[in-house]
Amino acid sequence: MAARVFFSYSHDDEEQRNQIEKHLALLKRQGLIDAWHDRRILAGDRIGDVIDAEIEKANIILLLVSASFIASDYCYSREMARAMERQRRGEAIVVPIIVRNCDWHSAPFGSIKAVPRDGKAITSWANPDDAYTDVARELRALVEWSLGVDKVAAEVPTVAHAPEVSRASAHEAFPRSGNLRVKRNFSDLDKSRYLTDAFDFMARYFEGSLDELSKRNADIQGEFRRVDGVSLTAIVYRNGKRMSACAVRLNGGGALGAGITYSQDVSRTDGNSFNERVSVEVDDQSLFLRSMGMASMYSGHADREKLSHEGAAELFWGMLLGPLQ
């Protein structure tokens, strides 16, 4: 019998939810989990009723924690509140998965052990795949414990008419190496989509950050403009006086190849002149962003380190906010 897993998340974190679901694929193939999220709602269904029913049926409820999750009335006040109530009654297990840095420790789920390791947000890991793998391993241990599944038995595939293998001798029958990591190949299309997704994330990140900055500081006004599909501008005013501005552009090519540029000159939406630039690189397992290292003083990132979408957005945001700090 499979454990029913429910994803509670903000759509701002859909990319992270997709990645977590991919890393749980082996648990699905082994028949240990049956995962559900709201993208499985069918046309014509009453959304609220379906979500409520799935929460009630879930054995394990995953809270994908971020500022967006906490800010969402539906996620926080409805899904999370019901999840915590079911956990208190011993009806379900709640697992917070910290996907992006935020203030979460004082939330109702703050006393529950979070994943990845030490509650370090997925987007803060140098290699996000390491974070997702850590989440998958923790959830595997939880699922096997909750179902009373013997780990060895779960690893041995069931084959029709195969001779019976006892659990005690399973490892002897199927010895294997622990070195199973193979190089992944990424196409030019993969890189292009990753860069486009990064720019779209930056646009949302800047718009949301400017809005929150204005709410928290009465003398600060933020102005965000999505110029077109590949460029944006952001301006910060203090008491009506311009303090900082930038233009961010997704560049398709040129001498340096595809990348995203940051210019302190708000009129340079062409991306030909810039103060910092990030581009897509790959290692043997993942896609990531790397900056030219021109403005590392504005962020906590080390020069030329691997950056996630959020890491690159925070690098550019730090440059914009620098003159006010």
C-alpha atoms as a PDB file:
ATOM      1  CA  MET A   1       0.000   0.000   0.000  1.00  0.00           C
ATOM      2  CA  ALA A   2       1.442   3.378  -1.033  1.00  0.00           C
ATOM      3  CA  ALA A   3       1.630   6.418   1.221  1.00  0.00           C
ATOM      4  CA  ARG A   4      -0.460   9.310  -0.078  1.00  0.00           C
ATOM      5  CA  VAL A   5       1.666  12.461  -0.339  1.00  0.00           C
ATOM      6  CA  PHE A   6       0.133  15.946  -0.637  1.00  0.00           C
ATOM      7  CA  PHE A   7       2.102  18.990  -1.861  1.00  0.00           C
ATOM      8  CA  SER A   8       1.110  22.297  -0.270  1.00  0.00           C
ATOM      9  CA  TYR A   9       2.937  25.084  -2.107  1.00  0.00           C
ATOM     10  CA  SER A  10       2.724  28.531  -3.666  1.00  0.00           C
ATOM     11  CA  HIS A  11       2.716  28.624  -7.455  1.00  0.00           C
ATOM     12  CA  ASP A  12       5.748  30.926  -7.190  1.00  0.00           C
ATOM     13  CA  ASP A  13       7.595  27.758  -6.132  1.00  0.00           C
ATOM     14  CA  GLU A  14       6.299  25.509  -8.888  1.00  0.00           C
ATOM     15  CA  GLU A  15       9.797  25.010 -10.273  1.00  0.00           C
ATOM     16  CA  GLN A  16      10.960  23.637  -6.915  1.00  0.00           C
ATOM     17  CA  ARG A  17       7.866  21.431  -6.611  1.00  0.00           C
ATOM     18  CA  ASN A  18       8.560  19.955 -10.037  1.00  0.00           C
ATOM     19  CA  GLN A  19      12.142  19.156  -9.067  1.00  0.00           C
ATOM     20  CA  ILE A  20      11.125  17.552  -5.763  1.00  0.00           C
ATOM     21  CA  GLU A  21       8.569  15.402  -7.576  1.00  0.00           C
ATOM     22  CA  LYS A  22      11.242  14.264 -10.058  1.00  0.00           C
ATOM     23  CA  HIS A  23      13.558  13.277  -7.207  1.00  0.00           C
ATOM     24  CA  LEU A  24      10.746  11.213  -5.671  1.00  0.00           C
ATOM     25  CA  ALA A  25      10.269   9.278  -8.927  1.00  0.00           C
ATOM     26  CA  LEU A  26      11.968   6.141  -7.625  1.00  0.00           C
ATOM     27  CA  LEU A  27       9.618   6.020  -4.630  1.00  0.00           C
ATOM     28  CA  LYS A  28       6.710   6.196  -7.089  1.00  0.00           C
ATOM     29  CA  ARG A  29       8.148   3.476  -9.315  1.00  0.00           C
ATOM     30  CA  GLN A  30       8.566   1.234  -6.292  1.00  0.00           C
ATOM     31  CA  GLY A  31       4.922   1.788  -5.396  1.00  0.00           C
ATOM     32  CA  LEU A  32       5.771   3.410  -2.062  1.00  0.00           C
ATOM     33  CA  ILE A  33       4.079   6.784  -2.640  1.00  0.00           C
ATOM     34  CA  ASP A  34       1.187   8.270  -4.566  1.00  0.00           C
ATOM     35  CA  ALA A  35       1.816  12.021  -4.841  1.00  0.00           C
ATOM     36  CA  TRP A  36      -0.811  14.708  -5.485  1.00  0.00           C
ATOM     37  CA  HIS A  37      -0.758  18.462  -6.104  1.00  0.00           C
ATOM     38  CA  ASP A  38      -3.264  20.964  -7.437  1.00  0.00           C
ATOM     39  CA  ARG A  39      -2.052  20.725 -11.052  1.00  0.00           C
ATOM     40  CA  ARG A  40      -3.898  17.393 -11.128  1.00  0.00           C
ATOM     41  CA  ILE A  41      -7.274  19.068 -10.664  1.00  0.00           C
ATOM     42  CA  LEU A  42      -9.459  18.380 -13.699  1.00  0.00           C
ATOM     43  CA  ALA A  43     -11.503  20.900 -15.653  1.00  0.00           C
ATOM     44  CA  GLY A  44     -14.915  21.270 -14.086  1.00  0.00           C
ATOM     45  CA  ASP A  45     -13.810  20.204 -10.597  1.00  0.00           C
ATOM     46  CA  ARG A  46     -14.588  22.433  -7.619  1.00  0.00           C
ATOM     47  CA  ILE A  47     -11.030  23.412  -6.696  1.00  0.00           C
ATOM     48  CA  GLY A  48     -11.507  23.960  -2.977  1.00  0.00           C
ATOM     49  CA  ASP A  49     -13.474  20.759  -2.501  1.00  0.00           C
ATOM     50  CA  VAL A  50     -10.883  18.653  -4.344  1.00  0.00           C
ATOM     51  CA  ILE A  51      -7.965  20.122  -2.387  1.00  0.00           C
ATOM     52  CA  ASP A  52      -9.757  19.627   0.930  1.00  0.00           C
ATOM     53  CA  ALA A  53     -10.507  15.998   0.059  1.00  0.00           C
ATOM     54  CA  GLU A  54      -6.891  15.288  -0.903  1.00  0.00           C
ATOM     55  CA  ILE A  55      -5.565  16.820   2.339  1.00  0.00           C
ATOM     56  CA  GLU A  56      -7.911  14.576   4.296  1.00  0.00           C
ATOM     57  CA  LYS A  57      -6.691  11.462   2.466  1.00  0.00           C
ATOM     58  CA  ALA A  58      -2.966  12.268   2.720  1.00  0.00           C
ATOM     59  CA  ASN A  59      -0.646  10.311   4.992  1.00  0.00           C
ATOM     60  CA  ILE A  60       2.248  12.742   4.458  1.00  0.00           C
ATOM     61  CA  ILE A  61       1.789  16.475   3.808  1.00  0.00           C
ATOM     62  CA  LEU A  62       4.734  18.397   2.365  1.00  0.00           C
ATOM     63  CA  LEU A  63       4.825  22.127   3.086  1.00  0.00           C
ATOM     64  CA  LEU A  64       7.046  23.856   0.508  1.00  0.00           C
ATOM     65  CA  VAL A  65       8.061  26.797   2.653  1.00  0.00           C
ATOM     66  CA  SER A  66       9.003  30.201   1.258  1.00  0.00           C
ATOM     67  CA  ALA A  67       7.957  33.815   1.750  1.00  0.00           C
ATOM     68  CA  SER A  68       5.359  33.234  -0.967  1.00  0.00           C
ATOM     69  CA  PHE A  69       3.955  30.215   0.892  1.00  0.00           C
ATOM     70  CA  ILE A  70       3.674  32.169   4.151  1.00  0.00           C
ATOM     71  CA  ALA A  71       2.131  35.165   2.357  1.00  0.00           C
ATOM     72  CA  SER A  72      -0.514  33.006   0.687  1.00  0.00           C
ATOM     73  CA  ASP A  73      -3.742  33.005   2.702  1.00  0.00           C
ATOM     74  CA  TYR A  74      -4.829  29.761   1.043  1.00  0.00           C
ATOM     75  CA  CYS A  75      -1.563  27.895   1.667  1.00  0.00           C
ATOM     76  CA  TYR A  76      -0.978  29.200   5.186  1.00  0.00           C
ATOM     77  CA  SER A  77      -4.429  29.684   6.677  1.00  0.00           C
ATOM     78  CA  ARG A  78      -6.224  26.809   4.994  1.00  0.00           C
ATOM     79  CA  GLU A  79      -3.878  24.046   3.809  1.00  0.00           C
ATOM     80  CA  MET A  80      -1.184  24.418   6.476  1.00  0.00           C
ATOM     81  CA  ALA A  81      -3.684  24.952   9.283  1.00  0.00           C
ATOM     82  CA  ARG A  82      -5.553  21.770   8.354  1.00  0.00           C
ATOM     83  CA  ALA A  83      -2.304  19.846   7.946  1.00  0.00           C
ATOM     84  CA  MET A  84      -1.174  20.821  11.442  1.00  0.00           C
ATOM     85  CA  GLU A  85      -4.531  19.835  12.885  1.00  0.00           C
ATOM     86  CA  ARG A  86      -4.306  16.404  11.283  1.00  0.00           C
ATOM     87  CA  GLN A  87      -0.754  15.993  12.613  1.00  0.00           C
ATOM     88  CA  ARG A  88      -1.881  16.902  16.148  1.00  0.00           C
ATOM     89  CA  ARG A  89      -4.517  14.176  15.920  1.00  0.00           C
ATOM     90  CA  GLY A  90      -1.978  11.633  14.688  1.00  0.00           C
ATOM     91  CA  GLU A  91      -3.735  11.323  11.335  1.00  0.00           C
ATOM     92  CA  ALA A  92      -0.911  12.573   9.101  1.00  0.00           C
ATOM     93  CA  ILE A  93       2.763  13.541   9.143  1.00  0.00           C
ATOM     94  CA  VAL A  94       3.749  17.103   8.192  1.00  0.00           C
ATOM     95  CA  VAL A  95       7.166  17.741   6.638  1.00  0.00           C
ATOM     96  CA  PRO A  96       8.337  21.338   6.039  1.00  0.00           C
ATOM     97  CA  ILE A  97      10.610  21.579   2.990  1.00  0.00           C
ATOM     98  CA  ILE A  98      12.410  24.933   2.982  1.00  0.00           C
ATOM     99  CA  VAL A  99      12.609  25.880  -0.679  1.00  0.00           C
ATOM    100  CA  ARG A 100      13.585  29.570  -0.323  1.00  0.00           C
ATOM    101  CA  ASN A 101      15.013  31.570   2.554  1.00  0.00           C
ATOM    102  CA  CYS A 102      12.393  33.211   4.734  1.00  0.00           C
ATOM    103  CA  ASP A 103      11.458  33.760   8.392  1.00  0.00           C
ATOM    104  CA  TRP A 104       9.761  30.445   9.208  1.00  0.00           C
ATOM    105  CA  HIS A 105      11.058  29.246  12.583  1.00  0.00           C
ATOM    106  CA  SER A 106       8.252  30.912  14.578  1.00  0.00           C
ATOM    107  CA  ALA A 107       5.504  29.470  12.343  1.00  0.00           C
ATOM    108  CA  PRO A 108       3.251  26.687  13.709  1.00  0.00           C
ATOM    109  CA  PHE A 109       5.454  24.133  11.902  1.00  0.00           C
ATOM    110  CA  GLY A 110       8.664  25.745  13.166  1.00  0.00           C
ATOM    111  CA  SER A 111       9.241  23.063  15.806  1.00  0.00           C
ATOM    112  CA  ILE A 112       9.067  20.225  13.258  1.00  0.00           C
ATOM    113  CA  LYS A 113      12.312  18.932  11.764  1.00  0.00           C
ATOM    114  CA  ALA A 114      12.592  20.502   8.323  1.00  0.00           C
ATOM    115  CA  VAL A 115      14.443  19.386   5.219  1.00  0.00           C
ATOM    116  CA  PRO A 116      16.895  19.716   3.511  1.00  0.00           C
ATOM    117  CA  ARG A 117      19.569  19.151   6.168  1.00  0.00           C
ATOM    118  CA  ASP A 118      19.591  21.760   8.955  1.00  0.00           C
ATOM    119  CA  GLY A 119      16.618  23.538   7.348  1.00  0.00           C
ATOM    120  CA  LYS A 120      18.934  25.145   4.775  1.00  0.00           C
ATOM    121  CA  ALA A 121      16.808  26.435   1.899  1.00  0.00           C
ATOM    122  CA  ILE A 122      17.133  24.509  -1.354  1.00  0.00           C
ATOM    123  CA  THR A 123      18.022  27.652  -3.303  1.00  0.00           C
ATOM    124  CA  SER A 124      20.919  28.332  -0.900  1.00  0.00           C
ATOM    125  CA  TRP A 125      22.767  25.127  -1.799  1.00  0.00           C
ATOM    126  CA  ALA A 126      25.663  25.506  -4.238  1.00  0.00           C
ATOM    127  CA  ASN A 127      24.333  22.504  -6.168  1.00  0.00           C
ATOM    128  CA  PRO A 128      20.507  22.359  -5.901  1.00  0.00           C
ATOM    129  CA  ASP A 129      20.538  18.678  -6.929  1.00  0.00           C
ATOM    130  CA  ASP A 130      22.369  17.904  -3.673  1.00  0.00           C
ATOM    131  CA  ALA A 131      19.534  19.581  -1.768  1.00  0.00           C
ATOM    132  CA  TYR A 132      16.815  17.725  -3.678  1.00  0.00           C
ATOM    133  CA  THR A 133      18.629  14.425  -3.135  1.00  0.00           C
ATOM    134  CA  ASP A 134      18.832  15.122   0.593  1.00  0.00           C
ATOM    135  CA  VAL A 135      15.067  15.783   0.638  1.00  0.00           C
ATOM    136  CA  ALA A 136      14.385  12.567  -1.275  1.00  0.00           C
ATOM    137  CA  ARG A 137      16.499  10.473   1.113  1.00  0.00           C
ATOM    138  CA  GLU A 138      14.790  11.930   4.180  1.00  0.00           C
ATOM    139  CA  LEU A 139      11.359  11.295   2.687  1.00  0.00           C
ATOM    140  CA  ARG A 140      12.319   7.752   1.701  1.00  0.00           C
ATOM    141  CA  ALA A 141      13.303   6.984   5.303  1.00  0.00           C
ATOM    142  CA  LEU A 142      10.015   8.469   6.528  1.00  0.00           C
ATOM    143  CA  VAL A 143       7.892   6.611   3.981  1.00  0.00           C
ATOM    144  CA  GLU A 144       9.579   3.249   4.634  1.00  0.00           C
ATOM    145  CA  TRP A 145       9.178   3.715   8.381  1.00  0.00           C
ATOM    146  CA  SER A 146       5.519   4.761   8.101  1.00  0.00           C
ATOM    147  CA  LEU A 147       4.680   1.805   5.840  1.00  0.00           C
ATOM    148  CA  GLY A 148       6.792  -0.671   7.780  1.00  0.00           C
ATOM    149  CA  VAL A 149       8.699  -1.453   4.594  1.00  0.00           C
ATOM    150  CA  ASP A 150      11.989  -3.323   4.793  1.00  0.00           C
ATOM    151  CA  LYS A 151      14.557  -1.206   2.950  1.00  0.00           C
ATOM    152  CA  VAL A 152      16.169  -4.207   1.298  1.00  0.00           C
ATOM    153  CA  ALA A 153      12.838  -5.503   0.039  1.00  0.00           C
ATOM    154  CA  ALA A 154      12.010  -2.083  -1.407  1.00  0.00           C
ATOM    155  CA  GLU A 155      15.222  -2.093  -3.435  1.00  0.00           C
ATOM    156  CA  VAL A 156      14.721  -5.546  -4.987  1.00  0.00           C
ATOM    157  CA  PRO A 157      12.411  -5.393  -8.030  1.00  0.00           C
ATOM    158  CA  THR A 158       9.535  -7.829  -8.275  1.00  0.00           C
ATOM    159  CA  VAL A 159       9.699  -9.958 -11.431  1.00  0.00           C
ATOM    160  CA  ALA A 160       6.866 -12.248 -12.522  1.00  0.00           C
ATOM    161  CA  HIS A 161       7.718 -15.928 -11.988  1.00  0.00           C
ATOM    162  CA  ALA A 162      11.121 -15.051 -10.568  1.00  0.00           C
ATOM    163  CA  PRO A 163      12.495 -17.405  -7.916  1.00  0.00           C
ATOM    164  CA  GLU A 164      11.748 -16.303  -4.382  1.00  0.00           C
ATOM    165  CA  VAL A 165      14.534 -14.371  -2.670  1.00  0.00           C
ATOM    166  CA  SER A 166      14.527 -14.029   1.099  1.00  0.00           C
ATOM    167  CA  ARG A 167      14.996 -10.562   2.588  1.00  0.00           C
ATOM    168  CA  ALA A 168      18.015 -11.751   4.545  1.00  0.00           C
ATOM    169  CA  SER A 169      19.836 -12.803   1.386  1.00  0.00           C
ATOM    170  CA  ALA A 170      18.672  -9.988  -0.895  1.00  0.00           C
ATOM    171  CA  HIS A 171      21.926  -8.016  -0.806  1.00  0.00           C
ATOM    172  CA  GLU A 172      23.910 -11.214  -1.471  1.00  0.00           C
ATOM    173  CA  ALA A 173      21.711 -11.998  -4.482  1.00  0.00           C
ATOM    174  CA  PHE A 174      22.006  -8.474  -5.907  1.00  0.00           C
ATOM    175  CA  PRO A 175      25.390  -6.968  -5.017  1.00  0.00           C
ATOM    176  CA  ARG A 176      25.866  -3.522  -6.527  1.00  0.00           C
ATOM    177  CA  SER A 177      28.219  -0.570  -6.500  1.00  0.00           C
ATOM    178  CA  GLY A 178      27.482   2.601  -4.609  1.00  0.00           C
ATOM    179  CA  ASN A 179      29.045   4.511  -7.517  1.00  0.00           C
ATOM    180  CA  LEU A 180      26.017   4.929  -9.803  1.00  0.00           C
ATOM    181  CA  ARG A 181      26.375   8.595 -10.718  1.00  0.00           C
ATOM    182  CA  VAL A 182      26.614   9.195 -14.467  1.00  0.00           C
ATOM    183  CA  LYS A 183      27.172  12.389 -16.395  1.00  0.00           C
ATOM    184  CA  ARG A 184      24.035  14.171 -17.570  1.00  0.00           C
ATOM    185  CA  ASN A 185      23.910  15.878 -20.948  1.00  0.00           C
ATOM    186  CA  PHE A 186      22.165  19.225 -21.455  1.00  0.00           C
ATOM    187  CA  SER A 187      21.112  20.522 -24.865  1.00  0.00           C
ATOM    188  CA  ASP A 188      21.231  24.103 -26.115  1.00  0.00           C
ATOM    189  CA  LEU A 189      17.440  24.118 -25.720  1.00  0.00           C
ATOM    190  CA  ASP A 190      17.774  23.105 -22.046  1.00  0.00           C
ATOM    191  CA  LYS A 191      20.187  25.988 -21.485  1.00  0.00           C
ATOM    192  CA  SER A 192      17.981  28.479 -23.317  1.00  0.00           C
ATOM    193  CA  ARG A 193      14.891  27.498 -21.319  1.00  0.00           C
ATOM    194  CA  TYR A 194      16.840  27.616 -18.052  1.00  0.00           C
ATOM    195  CA  LEU A 195      18.022  31.151 -18.821  1.00  0.00           C
ATOM    196  CA  THR A 196      14.540  32.310 -19.852  1.00  0.00           C
ATOM    197  CA  ASP A 197      13.067  30.836 -16.657  1.00  0.00           C
ATOM    198  CA  ALA A 198      15.772  32.645 -14.677  1.00  0.00           C
ATOM    199  CA  PHE A 199      14.835  35.990 -16.229  1.00  0.00           C
ATOM    200  CA  ASP A 200      11.117  35.439 -15.615  1.00  0.00           C
ATOM    201  CA  PHE A 201      11.937  34.558 -11.989  1.00  0.00           C
ATOM    202  CA  MET A 202      14.013  37.748 -11.661  1.00  0.00           C
ATOM    203  CA  ALA A 203      11.103  39.827 -12.942  1.00  0.00           C
ATOM    204  CA  ARG A 204       8.779  38.392 -10.276  1.00  0.00           C
ATOM    205  CA  TYR A 205      11.513  38.687  -7.646  1.00  0.00           C
ATOM    206  CA  PHE A 206      12.170  42.379  -8.367  1.00  0.00           C
ATOM    207  CA  GLU A 207       8.478  43.266  -8.544  1.00  0.00           C
ATOM    208  CA  GLY A 208       7.722  41.500  -5.260  1.00  0.00           C
ATOM    209  CA  SER A 209      10.810  42.863  -3.497  1.00  0.00           C
ATOM    210  CA  LEU A 210      10.121  46.459  -4.555  1.00  0.00           C
ATOM    211  CA  ASP A 211       6.535  46.148  -3.356  1.00  0.00           C
ATOM    212  CA  GLU A 212       7.614  44.786   0.038  1.00  0.00           C
ATOM    213  CA  LEU A 213      10.394  47.404   0.357  1.00  0.00           C
ATOM    214  CA  SER A 214       7.835  50.170  -0.149  1.00  0.00           C
ATOM    215  CA  LYS A 215       5.440  48.641   2.393  1.00  0.00           C
ATOM    216  CA  ARG A 216       8.128  48.411   5.083  1.00  0.00           C
ATOM    217  CA  ASN A 217       9.576  51.893   4.567  1.00  0.00           C
ATOM    218  CA  ALA A 218       7.233  54.867   4.400  1.00  0.00           C
ATOM    219  CA  ASP A 219       9.840  57.087   2.739  1.00  0.00           C
ATOM    220  CA  ILE A 220      10.702  54.553   0.033  1.00  0.00           C
ATOM    221  CA  GLN A 221       8.862  54.179  -3.264  1.00  0.00           C
ATOM    222  CA  GLY A 222       9.666  51.462  -5.782  1.00  0.00           C
ATOM    223  CA  GLU A 223       8.851  51.550  -9.476  1.00  0.00           C
ATOM    224  CA  PHE A 224       8.938  48.331 -11.507  1.00  0.00           C
ATOM    225  CA  ARG A 225       8.335  48.093 -15.246  1.00  0.00           C
ATOM    226  CA  ARG A 226       8.418  45.025 -17.484  1.00  0.00           C
ATOM    227  CA  VAL A 227       9.499  46.751 -20.684  1.00  0.00           C
ATOM    228  CA  ASP A 228       8.948  43.687 -22.870  1.00  0.00           C
ATOM    229  CA  GLY A 229       9.499  39.942 -22.799  1.00  0.00           C
ATOM    230  CA  VAL A 230      13.260  40.286 -22.386  1.00  0.00           C
ATOM    231  CA  SER A 231      13.862  43.426 -20.336  1.00  0.00           C
ATOM    232  CA  LEU A 232      12.770  45.182 -17.167  1.00  0.00           C
ATOM    233  CA  THR A 233      13.599  48.330 -15.237  1.00  0.00           C
ATOM    234  CA  ALA A 234      13.504  49.020 -11.506  1.00  0.00           C
ATOM    235  CA  ILE A 235      13.861  52.373  -9.748  1.00  0.00           C
ATOM    236  CA  VAL A 236      14.001  53.148  -6.019  1.00  0.00           C
ATOM    237  CA  TYR A 237      13.008  56.605  -4.753  1.00  0.00           C
ATOM    238  CA  ARG A 238      13.389  58.057  -1.265  1.00  0.00           C
ATOM    239  CA  ASN A 239      10.944  60.883  -0.584  1.00  0.00           C
ATOM    240  CA  GLY A 240      10.566  61.321  -4.319  1.00  0.00           C
ATOM    241  CA  LYS A 241      14.292  61.481  -5.067  1.00  0.00           C
ATOM    242  CA  ARG A 242      15.790  58.780  -7.256  1.00  0.00           C
ATOM    243  CA  MET A 243      18.341  56.816  -5.244  1.00  0.00           C
ATOM    244  CA  SER A 244      19.036  53.783  -7.410  1.00  0.00           C
ATOM    245  CA  ALA A 245      17.960  52.332 -10.738  1.00  0.00           C
ATOM    246  CA  CYS A 246      18.734  49.455 -13.055  1.00  0.00           C
ATOM    247  CA  ALA A 247      17.881  47.799 -16.316  1.00  0.00           C
ATOM    248  CA  VAL A 248      17.955  43.996 -16.559  1.00  0.00           C
ATOM    249  CA  ARG A 249      17.909  42.281 -19.935  1.00  0.00           C
ATOM    250  CA  LEU A 250      17.853  38.752 -21.293  1.00  0.00           C
ATOM    251  CA  ASN A 251      20.365  38.657 -24.162  1.00  0.00           C
ATOM    252  CA  GLY A 252      20.118  35.943 -26.755  1.00  0.00           C
ATOM    253  CA  GLY A 253      23.670  35.971 -28.018  1.00  0.00           C
ATOM    254  CA  GLY A 254      26.433  38.314 -29.085  1.00  0.00           C
ATOM    255  CA  ALA A 255      30.146  37.970 -28.522  1.00  0.00           C
ATOM    256  CA  LEU A 256      29.657  36.713 -24.951  1.00  0.00           C
ATOM    257  CA  GLY A 257      26.818  34.357 -25.792  1.00  0.00           C
ATOM    258  CA  ALA A 258      23.430  34.208 -24.062  1.00  0.00           C
ATOM    259  CA  GLY A 259      23.097  35.737 -20.611  1.00  0.00           C
ATOM    260  CA  ILE A 260      21.265  38.209 -18.390  1.00  0.00           C
ATOM    261  CA  THR A 261      22.795  41.652 -17.906  1.00  0.00           C
ATOM    262  CA  TYR A 262      22.426  44.259 -15.169  1.00  0.00           C
ATOM    263  CA  SER A 263      23.045  47.938 -15.942  1.00  0.00           C
ATOM    264  CA  GLN A 264      22.910  50.848 -13.498  1.00  0.00           C
ATOM    265  CA  ASP A 265      21.842  52.995 -16.440  1.00  0.00           C
ATOM    266  CA  VAL A 266      18.089  52.490 -16.597  1.00  0.00           C
ATOM    267  CA  SER A 267      18.046  53.564 -20.243  1.00  0.00           C
ATOM    268  CA  ARG A 268      20.312  50.680 -21.317  1.00  0.00           C
ATOM    269  CA  THR A 269      17.646  48.058 -21.872  1.00  0.00           C
ATOM    270  CA  ASP A 270      19.568  46.932 -24.959  1.00  0.00           C
ATOM    271  CA  GLY A 271      22.022  45.082 -22.694  1.00  0.00           C
ATOM    272  CA  ASN A 272      25.072  46.260 -24.662  1.00  0.00           C
ATOM    273  CA  SER A 273      26.569  48.057 -21.667  1.00  0.00           C
ATOM    274  CA  PHE A 274      26.360  46.500 -18.236  1.00  0.00           C
ATOM    275  CA  ASN A 275      27.797  46.381 -14.704  1.00  0.00           C
ATOM    276  CA  GLU A 276      27.247  42.658 -14.147  1.00  0.00           C
ATOM    277  CA  ARG A 277      26.196  39.644 -16.154  1.00  0.00           C
ATOM    278  CA  VAL A 278      25.164  36.051 -15.432  1.00  0.00           C
ATOM    279  CA  SER A 279      25.194  33.173 -17.895  1.00  0.00           C
ATOM    280  CA  VAL A 280      24.277  29.490 -17.908  1.00  0.00           C
ATOM    281  CA  GLU A 281      26.930  26.878 -17.201  1.00  0.00           C
ATOM    282  CA  VAL A 282      26.744  23.143 -16.585  1.00  0.00           C
ATOM    283  CA  ASP A 283      28.575  20.530 -14.588  1.00  0.00           C
ATOM    284  CA  ASP A 284      28.128  16.794 -14.895  1.00  0.00           C
ATOM    285  CA  GLN A 285      24.786  16.881 -13.051  1.00  0.00           C
ATOM    286  CA  SER A 286      23.056  20.246 -13.296  1.00  0.00           C
ATOM    287  CA  LEU A 287      22.464  23.603 -14.930  1.00  0.00           C
ATOM    288  CA  PHE A 288      23.311  26.719 -12.948  1.00  0.00           C
ATOM    289  CA  LEU A 289      24.113  30.412 -13.358  1.00  0.00           C
ATOM    290  CA  ARG A 290      27.473  32.061 -12.880  1.00  0.00           C
ATOM    291  CA  SER A 291      28.286  35.763 -12.718  1.00  0.00           C
ATOM    292  CA  MET A 292      31.243  37.524 -14.295  1.00  0.00           C
ATOM    293  CA  GLY A 293      32.229  38.521 -10.743  1.00  0.00           C
ATOM    294  CA  MET A 294      32.089  42.251 -11.398  1.00  0.00           C
ATOM    295  CA  ALA A 295      29.894  43.087  -8.409  1.00  0.00           C
ATOM    296  CA  SER A 296      30.409  40.415  -5.746  1.00  0.00           C
ATOM    297  CA  MET A 297      30.779  43.182  -3.148  1.00  0.00           C
ATOM    298  CA  TYR A 298      27.012  43.676  -3.284  1.00  0.00           C
ATOM    299  CA  SER A 299      26.122  40.174  -2.165  1.00  0.00           C
ATOM    300  CA  GLY A 300      27.101  37.394   0.185  1.00  0.00           C
ATOM    301  CA  HIS A 301      28.041  35.210  -2.772  1.00  0.00           C
ATOM    302  CA  ALA A 302      31.614  34.242  -3.362  1.00  0.00           C
ATOM    303  CA  ASP A 303      33.140  35.257  -6.678  1.00  0.00           C
ATOM    304  CA  ARG A 304      32.104  32.951  -9.524  1.00  0.00           C
ATOM    305  CA  GLU A 305      30.130  30.498  -7.385  1.00  0.00           C
ATOM    306  CA  LYS A 306      27.237  28.491  -8.788  1.00  0.00           C
ATOM    307  CA  LEU A 307      23.989  30.446  -8.534  1.00  0.00           C
ATOM    308  CA  SER A 308      20.377  29.287  -8.557  1.00  0.00           C
ATOM    309  CA  HIS A 309      17.643  31.489 -10.043  1.00  0.00           C
ATOM    310  CA  GLU A 310      17.122  33.059  -6.630  1.00  0.00           C
ATOM    311  CA  GLY A 311      20.852  33.460  -6.042  1.00  0.00           C
ATOM    312  CA  ALA A 312      21.263  35.395  -9.297  1.00  0.00           C
ATOM    313  CA  ALA A 313      18.171  37.507  -8.588  1.00  0.00           C
ATOM    314  CA  GLU A 314      19.494  38.335  -5.115  1.00  0.00           C
ATOM    315  CA  LEU A 315      22.880  39.300  -6.599  1.00  0.00           C
ATOM    316  CA  PHE A 316      21.212  41.845  -8.893  1.00  0.00           C
ATOM    317  CA  TRP A 317      18.825  42.999  -6.155  1.00  0.00           C
ATOM    318  CA  GLY A 318      21.785  43.629  -3.846  1.00  0.00           C
ATOM    319  CA  MET A 319      23.330  45.854  -6.500  1.00  0.00           C
ATOM    320  CA  LEU A 320      20.113  47.878  -6.788  1.00  0.00           C
ATOM    321  CA  LEU A 321      19.708  48.240  -3.041  1.00  0.00           C
ATOM    322  CA  GLY A 322      23.397  48.899  -2.338  1.00  0.00           C
ATOM    323  CA  PRO A 323      23.192  52.746  -2.521  1.00  0.00           C
ATOM    324  CA  LEU A 324      20.470  52.727   0.175  1.00  0.00           C
ATOM    325  CA  GLN A 325      22.381  50.549   2.582  1.00  0.00           C
END
